[in-house]
C-alpha atoms as a PDB file:
ATOM      1  CA  UNK A   1     -25.857  18.823  28.480  1.00  0.00           C
ATOM      2  CA  UNK A   2     -22.753  16.795  29.293  1.00  0.00           C
ATOM      3  CA  UNK A   3     -24.850  13.936  30.639  1.00  0.00           C
ATOM      4  CA  UNK A   4     -26.939  13.953  27.485  1.00  0.00           C
ATOM      5  CA  UNK A   5     -23.774  13.747  25.338  1.00  0.00           C
ATOM      6  CA  UNK A   6     -22.470  10.852  27.444  1.00  0.00           C
ATOM      7  CA  UNK A   7     -25.745   8.967  27.025  1.00  0.00           C
ATOM      8  CA  UNK A   8     -25.646   9.506  23.265  1.00  0.00           C
ATOM      9  CA  UNK A   9     -22.063   8.250  23.041  1.00  0.00           C
ATOM     10  CA  UNK A  10     -22.795   5.119  25.077  1.00  0.00           C
ATOM     11  CA  UNK A  11     -25.839   4.430  22.888  1.00  0.00           C
ATOM     12  CA  UNK A  12     -23.579   4.718  19.836  1.00  0.00           C
ATOM     13  CA  UNK A  13     -21.055   2.288  21.362  1.00  0.00           C
ATOM     14  CA  UNK A  14     -23.832  -0.226  22.031  1.00  0.00           C
ATOM     15  CA  UNK A  15     -24.882   0.006  18.397  1.00  0.00           C
ATOM     16  CA  UNK A  16     -21.262  -0.511  17.343  1.00  0.00           C
ATOM     17  CA  UNK A  17     -21.049  -3.680  19.458  1.00  0.00           C
ATOM     18  CA  UNK A  18     -24.173  -5.055  17.800  1.00  0.00           C
ATOM     19  CA  UNK A  19     -22.627  -4.337  14.400  1.00  0.00           C
ATOM     20  CA  UNK A  20     -19.456  -6.284  15.245  1.00  0.00           C
ATOM     21  CA  UNK A  21     -21.604  -9.194  16.469  1.00  0.00           C
ATOM     22  CA  UNK A  22     -23.378  -9.211  13.118  1.00  0.00           C
ATOM     23  CA  UNK A  23     -20.043  -9.224  11.258  1.00  0.00           C
ATOM     24  CA  UNK A  24     -18.791 -12.134  13.371  1.00  0.00           C
ATOM     25  CA  UNK A  25     -21.981 -14.054  12.606  1.00  0.00           C
ATOM     26  CA  UNK A  26     -21.427 -13.608   8.868  1.00  0.00           C
ATOM     27  CA  UNK A  27     -17.758 -14.543   9.253  1.00  0.00           C
ATOM     28  CA  UNK A  28     -18.632 -17.976  10.637  1.00  0.00           C
ATOM     29  CA  UNK A  29     -20.952 -18.646   7.699  1.00  0.00           C
ATOM     30  CA  UNK A  30     -18.333 -18.022   5.010  1.00  0.00           C
ATOM     31  CA  UNK A  31     -17.522 -20.960   2.726  1.00  0.00           C
ATOM     32  CA  UNK A  32     -14.304 -22.842   3.369  1.00  0.00           C
ATOM     33  CA  UNK A  33     -13.016 -22.143  -0.162  1.00  0.00           C
ATOM     34  CA  UNK A  34     -11.885 -18.716   1.011  1.00  0.00           C
ATOM     35  CA  UNK A  35      -9.117 -20.380   3.026  1.00  0.00           C
ATOM     36  CA  UNK A  36      -7.120 -20.491  -0.243  1.00  0.00           C
ATOM     37  CA  UNK A  37      -6.306 -16.832   0.372  1.00  0.00           C
ATOM     38  CA  UNK A  38      -4.424 -17.767   3.559  1.00  0.00           C
ATOM     39  CA  UNK A  39      -1.681 -19.642   1.719  1.00  0.00           C
ATOM     40  CA  UNK A  40       1.683 -17.869   1.476  1.00  0.00           C
ATOM     41  CA  UNK A  41       2.773 -16.677  -1.950  1.00  0.00           C
ATOM     42  CA  UNK A  42       5.986 -17.872  -3.526  1.00  0.00           C
ATOM     43  CA  UNK A  43       8.028 -14.704  -4.054  1.00  0.00           C
ATOM     44  CA  UNK A  44      11.417 -14.581  -5.744  1.00  0.00           C
ATOM     45  CA  UNK A  45      12.495 -11.059  -4.873  1.00  0.00           C
ATOM     46  CA  UNK A  46      16.056 -11.443  -6.127  1.00  0.00           C
ATOM     47  CA  UNK A  47      14.929 -12.846  -9.461  1.00  0.00           C
ATOM     48  CA  UNK A  48      12.317 -10.123  -9.907  1.00  0.00           C
ATOM     49  CA  UNK A  49      14.857  -7.371  -9.217  1.00  0.00           C
ATOM     50  CA  UNK A  50      17.364  -8.954 -11.604  1.00  0.00           C
ATOM     51  CA  UNK A  51      14.780  -9.215 -14.390  1.00  0.00           C
ATOM     52  CA  UNK A  52      13.701  -5.606 -13.865  1.00  0.00           C
ATOM     53  CA  UNK A  53      17.307  -4.366 -13.958  1.00  0.00           C
ATOM     54  CA  UNK A  54      18.086  -6.403 -17.084  1.00  0.00           C
ATOM     55  CA  UNK A  55      15.012  -4.904 -18.769  1.00  0.00           C
ATOM     56  CA  UNK A  56      16.141  -1.424 -17.630  1.00  0.00           C
ATOM     57  CA  UNK A  57      19.533  -1.907 -19.315  1.00  0.00           C
ATOM     58  CA  UNK A  58      18.212  -3.762 -22.380  1.00  0.00           C
ATOM     59  CA  UNK A  59      15.677  -1.063 -23.299  1.00  0.00           C
ATOM     60  CA  UNK A  60      18.236   1.739 -22.981  1.00  0.00           C
ATOM     61  CA  UNK A  61      16.522   3.430 -20.067  1.00  0.00           C
ATOM     62  CA  UNK A  62      19.771   3.396 -18.102  1.00  0.00           C
ATOM     63  CA  UNK A  63      21.366   5.739 -20.662  1.00  0.00           C
ATOM     64  CA  UNK A  64      18.363   8.065 -20.583  1.00  0.00           C
ATOM     65  CA  UNK A  65      18.622   8.105 -16.788  1.00  0.00           C
ATOM     66  CA  UNK A  66      22.339   8.946 -16.805  1.00  0.00           C
ATOM     67  CA  UNK A  67      21.942  11.657 -19.462  1.00  0.00           C
ATOM     68  CA  UNK A  68      19.059  13.121 -17.473  1.00  0.00           C
ATOM     69  CA  UNK A  69      21.198  13.208 -14.322  1.00  0.00           C
ATOM     70  CA  UNK A  70      24.037  15.010 -16.107  1.00  0.00           C
ATOM     71  CA  UNK A  71      21.772  17.512 -17.868  1.00  0.00           C
ATOM     72  CA  UNK A  72      19.825  18.144 -14.663  1.00  0.00           C
ATOM     73  CA  UNK A  73      23.010  18.804 -12.723  1.00  0.00           C
ATOM     74  CA  UNK A  74      24.283  21.172 -15.437  1.00  0.00           C
ATOM     75  CA  UNK A  75      20.933  23.005 -15.541  1.00  0.00           C
ATOM     76  CA  UNK A  76      20.956  23.382 -11.754  1.00  0.00           C
ATOM     77  CA  UNK A  77      24.548  24.619 -11.813  1.00  0.00           C
ATOM     78  CA  UNK A  78      23.987  27.226 -14.521  1.00  0.00           C
ATOM     79  CA  UNK A  79      20.717  28.540 -13.092  1.00  0.00           C
ATOM     80  CA  UNK A  80      21.674  28.797  -9.415  1.00  0.00           C
ATOM     81  CA  UNK A  81      23.189  31.914  -7.941  1.00  0.00           C
ATOM     82  CA  UNK A  82      26.214  31.707  -5.718  1.00  0.00           C
END
């Protein structure tokens, strides 16, 4: 039984190798236009964070956040035992 299982697993690995060969064959036939995806993106992390924070303050969400923190702390304090 063990030998039969080993034969089945090696047969499966052989099939897996043939599958990877097929994928590599298709990879070499891809058009060159896909190389555009390899270019690095220009990311301004500091500017994005600053814009998000300014929007957070401008829309009043910062006050809702602070009020929620205070009310949550008070609720936890009044409902906990000890």
